[in-house]
Amino acid sequence: MLQSRIINFGKLNGAIYDAPEVNDILEMHTHGEDDVHITIVARGSFKVHGGGWEIVAKAGDVINWEVGQAHEFIALESNSRFVNIVKV
Protein backbone atom coordinates (compact mmCIF):
# COMPACT_ATOMS: atom_id res chain seq x y z
CA MET A 1 0.00 0.00 0.00
CA LEU A 2 1.31 3.44 -0.94
CA GLN A 3 2.62 5.39 2.05
CA SER A 4 3.01 9.17 2.28
CA ARG A 5 4.38 11.79 4.59
CA ILE A 6 4.23 15.58 4.44
CA ILE A 7 7.44 17.60 4.13
CA ASN A 8 7.86 21.22 5.23
CA PHE A 9 11.17 23.04 4.96
CA GLY A 10 10.43 26.74 5.41
CA LYS A 11 8.74 27.82 2.17
CA LEU A 12 9.21 24.37 0.61
CA ASN A 13 6.18 22.11 1.06
CA GLY A 14 5.16 18.79 -0.42
CA ALA A 15 5.01 15.08 0.23
CA ILE A 16 7.09 11.94 -0.12
CA TYR A 17 5.34 8.83 -1.48
CA ASP A 18 6.77 5.35 -0.96
CA ALA A 19 5.52 2.33 -2.90
CA PRO A 20 6.73 -0.82 -1.12
CA GLU A 21 5.10 -3.14 -3.68
CA VAL A 22 4.59 -3.30 -7.44
CA ASN A 23 1.14 -1.91 -8.40
CA ASP A 24 0.87 0.37 -5.36
CA ILE A 25 -1.23 3.26 -6.63
CA LEU A 26 -1.92 6.94 -6.08
CA GLU A 27 -5.37 7.20 -7.66
CA MET A 28 -6.35 9.68 -10.37
CA HIS A 29 -6.58 13.24 -9.07
CA THR A 30 -6.04 16.89 -10.01
CA HIS A 31 -4.69 19.98 -8.29
CA GLY A 32 -5.75 23.60 -8.17
CA GLU A 33 -3.67 26.77 -8.16
CA ASP A 34 -2.94 26.42 -4.43
CA ASP A 35 -1.49 22.91 -4.55
CA VAL A 36 -0.16 22.25 -8.07
CA HIS A 37 3.27 20.62 -7.87
CA ILE A 38 6.27 19.12 -9.57
CA THR A 39 7.06 15.44 -9.13
CA ILE A 40 10.58 14.02 -8.83
CA VAL A 41 10.99 10.25 -9.07
CA ALA A 42 13.60 9.45 -6.42
CA ARG A 43 13.90 5.69 -7.00
CA GLY A 44 12.28 2.93 -8.99
CA SER A 45 9.71 3.64 -11.68
CA PHE A 46 6.02 4.45 -12.12
CA LYS A 47 3.43 4.30 -14.86
CA VAL A 48 1.94 7.79 -14.82
CA HIS A 49 -1.19 8.51 -16.83
CA GLY A 50 -4.30 10.61 -17.18
CA GLY A 51 -6.64 12.07 -19.78
CA GLY A 52 -5.47 9.99 -22.76
CA TRP A 53 -1.70 10.02 -22.14
CA GLU A 54 0.73 7.66 -20.40
CA ILE A 55 4.45 7.71 -19.55
CA VAL A 56 6.92 5.60 -17.60
CA ALA A 57 8.70 7.86 -15.12
CA LYS A 58 12.03 6.55 -13.78
CA ALA A 59 14.45 7.64 -11.06
CA GLY A 60 15.72 11.14 -11.86
CA ASP A 61 12.70 12.16 -13.95
CA VAL A 62 10.89 15.40 -13.15
CA ILE A 63 7.28 16.11 -14.11
CA ASN A 64 5.95 19.69 -14.09
CA TRP A 65 2.16 19.51 -13.59
CA GLU A 66 -0.30 22.11 -14.81
CA VAL A 67 -3.33 23.22 -12.79
CA GLY A 68 -6.22 20.80 -13.36
CA GLN A 69 -4.10 18.14 -15.15
CA ALA A 70 -5.40 14.72 -14.08
CA HIS A 71 -2.76 12.15 -13.15
CA GLU A 72 -2.36 8.76 -11.48
CA PHE A 73 0.77 6.85 -10.38
CA ILE A 74 1.21 3.05 -10.42
CA ALA A 75 4.45 1.55 -9.11
CA LEU A 76 6.30 -0.63 -11.63
CA GLU A 77 9.00 -1.70 -9.15
CA SER A 78 8.94 -2.48 -5.45
CA ASN A 79 10.55 0.11 -3.15
CA SER A 80 9.83 3.00 -5.56
CA ARG A 81 9.57 6.60 -4.35
CA PHE A 82 8.49 9.97 -5.70
CA VAL A 83 8.51 13.41 -4.14
CA ASN A 84 5.97 16.16 -4.84
CA ILE A 85 6.96 19.78 -4.26
CA VAL A 86 4.20 22.40 -4.31
CA LYS A 87 4.88 25.26 -6.76
CA VAL A 88 3.07 28.01 -4.84
C-alpha atoms as a PDB file:
ATOM      1  CA  MET A   1       0.000   0.000   0.000  1.00  0.00           C
ATOM      2  CA  LEU A   2       1.310   3.441  -0.939  1.00  0.00           C
ATOM      3  CA  GLN A   3       2.621   5.394   2.054  1.00  0.00           C
ATOM      4  CA  SER A   4       3.008   9.169   2.279  1.00  0.00           C
ATOM      5  CA  ARG A   5       4.378  11.789   4.594  1.00  0.00           C
ATOM      6  CA  ILE A   6       4.226  15.576   4.438  1.00  0.00           C
ATOM      7  CA  ILE A   7       7.437  17.596   4.129  1.00  0.00           C
ATOM      8  CA  ASN A   8       7.856  21.217   5.227  1.00  0.00           C
ATOM      9  CA  PHE A   9      11.170  23.045   4.957  1.00  0.00           C
ATOM     10  CA  GLY A  10      10.428  26.742   5.410  1.00  0.00           C
ATOM     11  CA  LYS A  11       8.743  27.819   2.168  1.00  0.00           C
ATOM     12  CA  LEU A  12       9.215  24.369   0.606  1.00  0.00           C
ATOM     13  CA  ASN A  13       6.181  22.107   1.055  1.00  0.00           C
ATOM     14  CA  GLY A  14       5.160  18.793  -0.416  1.00  0.00           C
ATOM     15  CA  ALA A  15       5.005  15.082   0.229  1.00  0.00           C
ATOM     16  CA  ILE A  16       7.094  11.935  -0.122  1.00  0.00           C
ATOM     17  CA  TYR A  17       5.335   8.832  -1.478  1.00  0.00           C
ATOM     18  CA  ASP A  18       6.775   5.350  -0.964  1.00  0.00           C
ATOM     19  CA  ALA A  19       5.520   2.330  -2.900  1.00  0.00           C
ATOM     20  CA  PRO A  20       6.732  -0.823  -1.119  1.00  0.00           C
ATOM     21  CA  GLU A  21       5.103  -3.136  -3.681  1.00  0.00           C
ATOM     22  CA  VAL A  22       4.594  -3.296  -7.439  1.00  0.00           C
ATOM     23  CA  ASN A  23       1.143  -1.909  -8.401  1.00  0.00           C
ATOM     24  CA  ASP A  24       0.870   0.374  -5.361  1.00  0.00           C
ATOM     25  CA  ILE A  25      -1.232   3.264  -6.627  1.00  0.00           C
ATOM     26  CA  LEU A  26      -1.921   6.943  -6.078  1.00  0.00           C
ATOM     27  CA  GLU A  27      -5.367   7.203  -7.655  1.00  0.00           C
ATOM     28  CA  MET A  28      -6.352   9.680 -10.371  1.00  0.00           C
ATOM     29  CA  HIS A  29      -6.581  13.238  -9.069  1.00  0.00           C
ATOM     30  CA  THR A  30      -6.042  16.892 -10.012  1.00  0.00           C
ATOM     31  CA  HIS A  31      -4.689  19.985  -8.287  1.00  0.00           C
ATOM     32  CA  GLY A  32      -5.754  23.597  -8.167  1.00  0.00           C
ATOM     33  CA  GLU A  33      -3.671  26.767  -8.160  1.00  0.00           C
ATOM     34  CA  ASP A  34      -2.941  26.416  -4.434  1.00  0.00           C
ATOM     35  CA  ASP A  35      -1.486  22.907  -4.547  1.00  0.00           C
ATOM     36  CA  VAL A  36      -0.156  22.247  -8.065  1.00  0.00           C
ATOM     37  CA  HIS A  37       3.272  20.622  -7.867  1.00  0.00           C
ATOM     38  CA  ILE A  38       6.272  19.120  -9.565  1.00  0.00           C
ATOM     39  CA  THR A  39       7.063  15.438  -9.126  1.00  0.00           C
ATOM     40  CA  ILE A  40      10.578  14.024  -8.826  1.00  0.00           C
ATOM     41  CA  VAL A  41      10.985  10.253  -9.074  1.00  0.00           C
ATOM     42  CA  ALA A  42      13.596   9.452  -6.422  1.00  0.00           C
ATOM     43  CA  ARG A  43      13.901   5.688  -6.998  1.00  0.00           C
ATOM     44  CA  GLY A  44      12.280   2.932  -8.989  1.00  0.00           C
ATOM     45  CA  SER A  45       9.705   3.639 -11.676  1.00  0.00           C
ATOM     46  CA  PHE A  46       6.023   4.447 -12.123  1.00  0.00           C
ATOM     47  CA  LYS A  47       3.434   4.299 -14.858  1.00  0.00           C
ATOM     48  CA  VAL A  48       1.938   7.791 -14.817  1.00  0.00           C
ATOM     49  CA  HIS A  49      -1.186   8.512 -16.835  1.00  0.00           C
ATOM     50  CA  GLY A  50      -4.296  10.610 -17.184  1.00  0.00           C
ATOM     51  CA  GLY A  51      -6.639  12.067 -19.776  1.00  0.00           C
ATOM     52  CA  GLY A  52      -5.468   9.994 -22.762  1.00  0.00           C
ATOM     53  CA  TRP A  53      -1.697  10.017 -22.143  1.00  0.00           C
ATOM     54  CA  GLU A  54       0.734   7.659 -20.400  1.00  0.00           C
ATOM     55  CA  ILE A  55       4.445   7.715 -19.554  1.00  0.00           C
ATOM     56  CA  VAL A  56       6.918   5.602 -17.603  1.00  0.00           C
ATOM     57  CA  ALA A  57       8.704   7.856 -15.118  1.00  0.00           C
ATOM     58  CA  LYS A  58      12.034   6.553 -13.780  1.00  0.00           C
ATOM     59  CA  ALA A  59      14.452   7.645 -11.059  1.00  0.00           C
ATOM     60  CA  GLY A  60      15.719  11.139 -11.864  1.00  0.00           C
ATOM     61  CA  ASP A  61      12.699  12.159 -13.955  1.00  0.00           C
ATOM     62  CA  VAL A  62      10.890  15.403 -13.148  1.00  0.00           C
ATOM     63  CA  ILE A  63       7.278  16.110 -14.112  1.00  0.00           C
ATOM     64  CA  ASN A  64       5.952  19.685 -14.085  1.00  0.00           C
ATOM     65  CA  TRP A  65       2.163  19.508 -13.591  1.00  0.00           C
ATOM     66  CA  GLU A  66      -0.298  22.111 -14.811  1.00  0.00           C
ATOM     67  CA  VAL A  67      -3.329  23.220 -12.794  1.00  0.00           C
ATOM     68  CA  GLY A  68      -6.217  20.796 -13.357  1.00  0.00           C
ATOM     69  CA  GLN A  69      -4.104  18.144 -15.151  1.00  0.00           C
ATOM     70  CA  ALA A  70      -5.405  14.718 -14.081  1.00  0.00           C
ATOM     71  CA  HIS A  71      -2.760  12.153 -13.146  1.00  0.00           C
ATOM     72  CA  GLU A  72      -2.356   8.759 -11.477  1.00  0.00           C
ATOM     73  CA  PHE A  73       0.771   6.852 -10.380  1.00  0.00           C
ATOM     74  CA  ILE A  74       1.208   3.054 -10.422  1.00  0.00           C
ATOM     75  CA  ALA A  75       4.453   1.545  -9.114  1.00  0.00           C
ATOM     76  CA  LEU A  76       6.297  -0.630 -11.632  1.00  0.00           C
ATOM     77  CA  GLU A  77       9.004  -1.704  -9.150  1.00  0.00           C
ATOM     78  CA  SER A  78       8.944  -2.478  -5.450  1.00  0.00           C
ATOM     79  CA  ASN A  79      10.550   0.107  -3.154  1.00  0.00           C
ATOM     80  CA  SER A  80       9.826   2.997  -5.556  1.00  0.00           C
ATOM     81  CA  ARG A  81       9.566   6.601  -4.347  1.00  0.00           C
ATOM     82  CA  PHE A  82       8.492   9.966  -5.701  1.00  0.00           C
ATOM     83  CA  VAL A  83       8.510  13.407  -4.136  1.00  0.00           C
ATOM     84  CA  ASN A  84       5.967  16.157  -4.837  1.00  0.00           C
ATOM     85  CA  ILE A  85       6.956  19.778  -4.264  1.00  0.00           C
ATOM     86  CA  VAL A  86       4.196  22.403  -4.309  1.00  0.00           C
ATOM     87  CA  LYS A  87       4.879  25.260  -6.764  1.00  0.00           C
ATOM     88  CA  VAL A  88       3.068  28.013  -4.844  1.00  0.00           C
END
